[in-house]
N, C-alpha and C. Protein backbone atom coordinates (compact mmCIF):
# COMPACT_ATOMS: atom_id res chain seq x y z
N UNK A 1 -47.19 1.87 -126.65
CA UNK A 1 -47.97 0.82 -126.05
C UNK A 1 -47.76 0.81 -124.54
N UNK A 2 -48.83 0.53 -123.85
CA UNK A 2 -48.78 0.44 -122.39
C UNK A 2 -49.22 -0.97 -122.00
N UNK A 3 -48.34 -1.67 -121.32
CA UNK A 3 -48.66 -3.01 -120.82
C UNK A 3 -48.83 -2.92 -119.31
N UNK A 4 -49.94 -3.43 -118.83
CA UNK A 4 -50.20 -3.42 -117.40
C UNK A 4 -51.21 -4.52 -117.08
N UNK A 5 -51.23 -4.93 -115.83
CA UNK A 5 -52.21 -5.92 -115.39
C UNK A 5 -53.53 -5.22 -115.10
N UNK A 6 -54.62 -5.91 -115.36
CA UNK A 6 -55.93 -5.36 -115.05
C UNK A 6 -56.13 -5.31 -113.54
N UNK A 7 -56.88 -4.32 -113.10
CA UNK A 7 -57.29 -4.25 -111.70
C UNK A 7 -58.21 -5.45 -111.43
N UNK A 8 -58.28 -5.94 -110.20
CA UNK A 8 -59.12 -7.11 -109.91
C UNK A 8 -60.58 -6.95 -110.35
N UNK A 9 -61.19 -5.80 -110.08
CA UNK A 9 -62.59 -5.59 -110.50
C UNK A 9 -62.70 -5.54 -112.02
N UNK A 10 -61.71 -4.97 -112.65
CA UNK A 10 -61.67 -4.89 -114.11
C UNK A 10 -61.51 -6.28 -114.70
N UNK A 11 -60.65 -7.10 -114.11
CA UNK A 11 -60.44 -8.48 -114.55
C UNK A 11 -61.73 -9.29 -114.44
N UNK A 12 -62.49 -9.06 -113.38
CA UNK A 12 -63.75 -9.77 -113.18
C UNK A 12 -64.74 -9.47 -114.32
N UNK A 13 -64.87 -8.20 -114.68
CA UNK A 13 -65.76 -7.82 -115.78
C UNK A 13 -65.24 -8.39 -117.09
N UNK A 14 -63.94 -8.32 -117.31
CA UNK A 14 -63.34 -8.85 -118.54
C UNK A 14 -63.64 -10.35 -118.67
N UNK A 15 -63.41 -11.09 -117.59
CA UNK A 15 -63.63 -12.54 -117.61
C UNK A 15 -65.10 -12.87 -117.85
N UNK A 16 -65.99 -12.15 -117.19
CA UNK A 16 -67.43 -12.37 -117.39
C UNK A 16 -67.82 -12.11 -118.85
N UNK A 17 -67.37 -10.99 -119.39
CA UNK A 17 -67.72 -10.63 -120.77
C UNK A 17 -67.11 -11.61 -121.77
N UNK A 18 -65.87 -12.01 -121.53
CA UNK A 18 -65.21 -12.99 -122.40
C UNK A 18 -66.00 -14.30 -122.43
N UNK A 19 -66.37 -14.78 -121.26
CA UNK A 19 -67.12 -16.04 -121.19
C UNK A 19 -68.50 -15.92 -121.83
N UNK A 20 -69.14 -14.76 -121.64
CA UNK A 20 -70.46 -14.54 -122.24
C UNK A 20 -70.37 -14.55 -123.77
N UNK A 21 -69.41 -13.81 -124.32
CA UNK A 21 -69.26 -13.78 -125.78
C UNK A 21 -68.86 -15.15 -126.32
N UNK A 22 -68.00 -15.83 -125.62
CA UNK A 22 -67.56 -17.15 -126.07
C UNK A 22 -68.75 -18.11 -126.19
N UNK A 23 -69.58 -18.16 -125.17
CA UNK A 23 -70.76 -19.04 -125.19
C UNK A 23 -71.72 -18.64 -126.30
N UNK A 24 -71.95 -17.35 -126.45
CA UNK A 24 -72.85 -16.87 -127.50
C UNK A 24 -72.30 -17.19 -128.89
N UNK A 25 -71.00 -17.01 -129.07
CA UNK A 25 -70.39 -17.28 -130.37
C UNK A 25 -70.42 -18.77 -130.70
N UNK A 26 -70.15 -19.61 -129.73
CA UNK A 26 -70.20 -21.05 -129.99
C UNK A 26 -71.59 -21.48 -130.42
N UNK A 27 -72.62 -20.95 -129.75
CA UNK A 27 -74.00 -21.25 -130.15
C UNK A 27 -74.28 -20.74 -131.55
N UNK A 28 -73.85 -19.52 -131.82
CA UNK A 28 -74.10 -18.91 -133.12
C UNK A 28 -73.41 -19.68 -134.25
N UNK A 29 -72.16 -20.05 -134.04
CA UNK A 29 -71.41 -20.78 -135.06
C UNK A 29 -72.05 -22.13 -135.32
N UNK A 30 -72.50 -22.76 -134.26
CA UNK A 30 -73.13 -24.08 -134.42
C UNK A 30 -74.45 -23.98 -135.16
N UNK A 31 -75.24 -22.96 -134.88
CA UNK A 31 -76.57 -22.87 -135.49
C UNK A 31 -76.58 -22.12 -136.83
N UNK A 32 -75.72 -21.11 -136.98
CA UNK A 32 -75.78 -20.27 -138.17
C UNK A 32 -74.53 -20.35 -139.05
N UNK A 33 -73.46 -20.90 -138.53
CA UNK A 33 -72.22 -20.98 -139.30
C UNK A 33 -71.29 -19.81 -139.02
N UNK A 34 -70.06 -19.99 -139.41
CA UNK A 34 -69.00 -19.02 -139.13
C UNK A 34 -69.25 -17.68 -139.82
N UNK A 35 -69.73 -17.68 -141.04
CA UNK A 35 -69.93 -16.43 -141.77
C UNK A 35 -70.87 -15.49 -141.04
N UNK A 36 -71.95 -16.02 -140.48
CA UNK A 36 -72.91 -15.18 -139.78
C UNK A 36 -72.39 -14.70 -138.42
N UNK A 37 -71.36 -15.32 -137.90
CA UNK A 37 -70.84 -14.95 -136.59
C UNK A 37 -69.72 -13.91 -136.68
N UNK A 38 -69.27 -13.58 -137.85
CA UNK A 38 -68.12 -12.68 -137.99
C UNK A 38 -68.30 -11.33 -137.31
N UNK A 39 -69.44 -10.70 -137.49
CA UNK A 39 -69.66 -9.39 -136.87
C UNK A 39 -69.72 -9.50 -135.35
N UNK A 40 -70.29 -10.59 -134.84
CA UNK A 40 -70.36 -10.80 -133.40
C UNK A 40 -68.95 -11.04 -132.83
N UNK A 41 -68.10 -11.70 -133.58
CA UNK A 41 -66.71 -11.90 -133.16
C UNK A 41 -66.01 -10.55 -133.02
N UNK A 42 -66.18 -9.70 -134.03
CA UNK A 42 -65.56 -8.37 -133.99
C UNK A 42 -66.13 -7.54 -132.84
N UNK A 43 -67.43 -7.64 -132.62
CA UNK A 43 -68.05 -6.93 -131.50
C UNK A 43 -67.46 -7.37 -130.17
N UNK A 44 -67.31 -8.68 -130.00
CA UNK A 44 -66.74 -9.21 -128.76
C UNK A 44 -65.32 -8.73 -128.55
N UNK A 45 -64.51 -8.75 -129.59
CA UNK A 45 -63.13 -8.27 -129.47
C UNK A 45 -63.08 -6.78 -129.11
N UNK A 46 -63.98 -6.00 -129.72
CA UNK A 46 -64.05 -4.57 -129.41
C UNK A 46 -64.41 -4.35 -127.95
N UNK A 47 -65.42 -5.05 -127.45
CA UNK A 47 -65.84 -4.88 -126.05
C UNK A 47 -64.72 -5.27 -125.09
N UNK A 48 -64.03 -6.37 -125.37
CA UNK A 48 -62.93 -6.79 -124.50
C UNK A 48 -61.80 -5.77 -124.51
N UNK A 49 -61.52 -5.23 -125.66
CA UNK A 49 -60.48 -4.20 -125.75
C UNK A 49 -60.88 -2.94 -124.98
N UNK A 50 -62.16 -2.56 -125.10
CA UNK A 50 -62.65 -1.40 -124.35
C UNK A 50 -62.51 -1.62 -122.85
N UNK A 51 -62.85 -2.81 -122.38
CA UNK A 51 -62.74 -3.12 -120.96
C UNK A 51 -61.31 -3.01 -120.49
N UNK A 52 -60.37 -3.41 -121.33
CA UNK A 52 -58.94 -3.30 -120.96
C UNK A 52 -58.52 -1.85 -120.78
N UNK A 53 -59.10 -0.95 -121.54
CA UNK A 53 -58.77 0.46 -121.41
C UNK A 53 -59.49 1.04 -120.19
N UNK A 54 -60.81 0.90 -120.16
CA UNK A 54 -61.62 1.28 -119.01
C UNK A 54 -62.99 0.63 -119.16
N UNK A 55 -63.47 -0.08 -118.15
CA UNK A 55 -64.73 -0.81 -118.26
C UNK A 55 -65.99 0.05 -118.35
N UNK A 56 -65.94 1.30 -117.92
CA UNK A 56 -67.16 2.10 -117.83
C UNK A 56 -67.94 2.24 -119.14
N UNK A 57 -67.34 2.39 -120.31
CA UNK A 57 -68.16 2.46 -121.54
C UNK A 57 -68.97 1.18 -121.80
N UNK A 58 -68.48 0.06 -121.33
CA UNK A 58 -69.17 -1.21 -121.53
C UNK A 58 -70.08 -1.52 -120.36
N UNK A 59 -69.66 -1.15 -119.17
CA UNK A 59 -70.38 -1.43 -117.92
C UNK A 59 -70.54 -0.11 -117.16
N UNK A 60 -71.61 0.67 -117.46
CA UNK A 60 -71.76 2.01 -116.88
C UNK A 60 -71.78 2.05 -115.35
N UNK A 61 -72.13 0.96 -114.71
CA UNK A 61 -72.18 0.95 -113.24
C UNK A 61 -70.80 0.73 -112.62
N UNK A 62 -69.78 0.47 -113.43
CA UNK A 62 -68.44 0.23 -112.92
C UNK A 62 -67.90 1.48 -112.23
N UNK A 63 -67.43 1.32 -111.00
CA UNK A 63 -66.89 2.45 -110.24
C UNK A 63 -65.43 2.24 -109.85
N UNK A 64 -64.83 1.15 -110.29
CA UNK A 64 -63.45 0.85 -109.93
C UNK A 64 -62.45 1.59 -110.78
N UNK A 65 -61.20 1.26 -110.55
CA UNK A 65 -60.09 1.86 -111.28
C UNK A 65 -59.81 1.10 -112.57
N UNK A 66 -59.04 1.73 -113.43
CA UNK A 66 -58.50 1.10 -114.63
C UNK A 66 -57.00 1.34 -114.63
N UNK A 67 -56.24 0.27 -114.56
CA UNK A 67 -54.79 0.40 -114.50
C UNK A 67 -54.23 1.08 -115.75
N UNK A 68 -54.71 0.69 -116.90
CA UNK A 68 -54.19 1.26 -118.14
C UNK A 68 -54.55 2.74 -118.25
N UNK A 69 -55.77 3.07 -117.90
CA UNK A 69 -56.20 4.47 -117.95
C UNK A 69 -55.39 5.32 -116.98
N UNK A 70 -55.21 4.82 -115.77
CA UNK A 70 -54.42 5.51 -114.75
C UNK A 70 -52.98 5.72 -115.24
N UNK A 71 -52.37 4.68 -115.80
CA UNK A 71 -50.99 4.78 -116.28
C UNK A 71 -50.87 5.73 -117.47
N UNK A 72 -51.86 5.71 -118.35
CA UNK A 72 -51.83 6.61 -119.50
C UNK A 72 -51.93 8.07 -119.06
N UNK A 73 -52.80 8.35 -118.09
CA UNK A 73 -52.90 9.72 -117.57
C UNK A 73 -51.61 10.16 -116.90
N UNK A 74 -51.00 9.27 -116.13
CA UNK A 74 -49.72 9.57 -115.48
C UNK A 74 -48.66 9.90 -116.52
N UNK A 75 -48.58 9.06 -117.57
CA UNK A 75 -47.58 9.29 -118.62
C UNK A 75 -47.84 10.60 -119.36
N UNK A 76 -49.10 10.93 -119.59
CA UNK A 76 -49.43 12.19 -120.27
C UNK A 76 -49.04 13.39 -119.41
N UNK A 77 -49.31 13.29 -118.11
CA UNK A 77 -48.92 14.38 -117.20
C UNK A 77 -47.40 14.55 -117.16
N UNK A 78 -46.68 13.45 -117.10
CA UNK A 78 -45.21 13.51 -117.09
C UNK A 78 -44.69 14.12 -118.37
N UNK A 79 -45.26 13.76 -119.48
CA UNK A 79 -44.85 14.33 -120.77
C UNK A 79 -45.12 15.82 -120.81
N UNK A 80 -46.29 16.24 -120.30
CA UNK A 80 -46.63 17.67 -120.30
C UNK A 80 -45.66 18.44 -119.41
N UNK A 81 -45.27 17.88 -118.27
CA UNK A 81 -44.32 18.54 -117.38
C UNK A 81 -42.95 18.72 -118.04
N UNK A 82 -42.52 17.69 -118.77
CA UNK A 82 -41.22 17.77 -119.42
C UNK A 82 -41.22 18.81 -120.53
N UNK A 83 -42.36 19.00 -121.18
CA UNK A 83 -42.45 19.96 -122.28
C UNK A 83 -42.65 21.38 -121.79
N UNK A 84 -43.10 21.52 -120.55
CA UNK A 84 -43.39 22.87 -120.00
C UNK A 84 -42.13 23.61 -119.63
């Protein structure tokens, strides 16, 4: 597991997407009930998790960094050097 803080631009996208899904889910639960909202809940969790890794799959116009992605690449390179 890699724990790291999100980059500021990454945090902005995460917060926007979280708030968007939250509002949509609250409307959905109120109008259709919890059972019908289950897949949307899972979709929202998936998107937020993807953003934490790297926002580009969710937001193709994103050009900023991803702290977790950067750290994972660094760790992989270090591991490869130790094995070489």
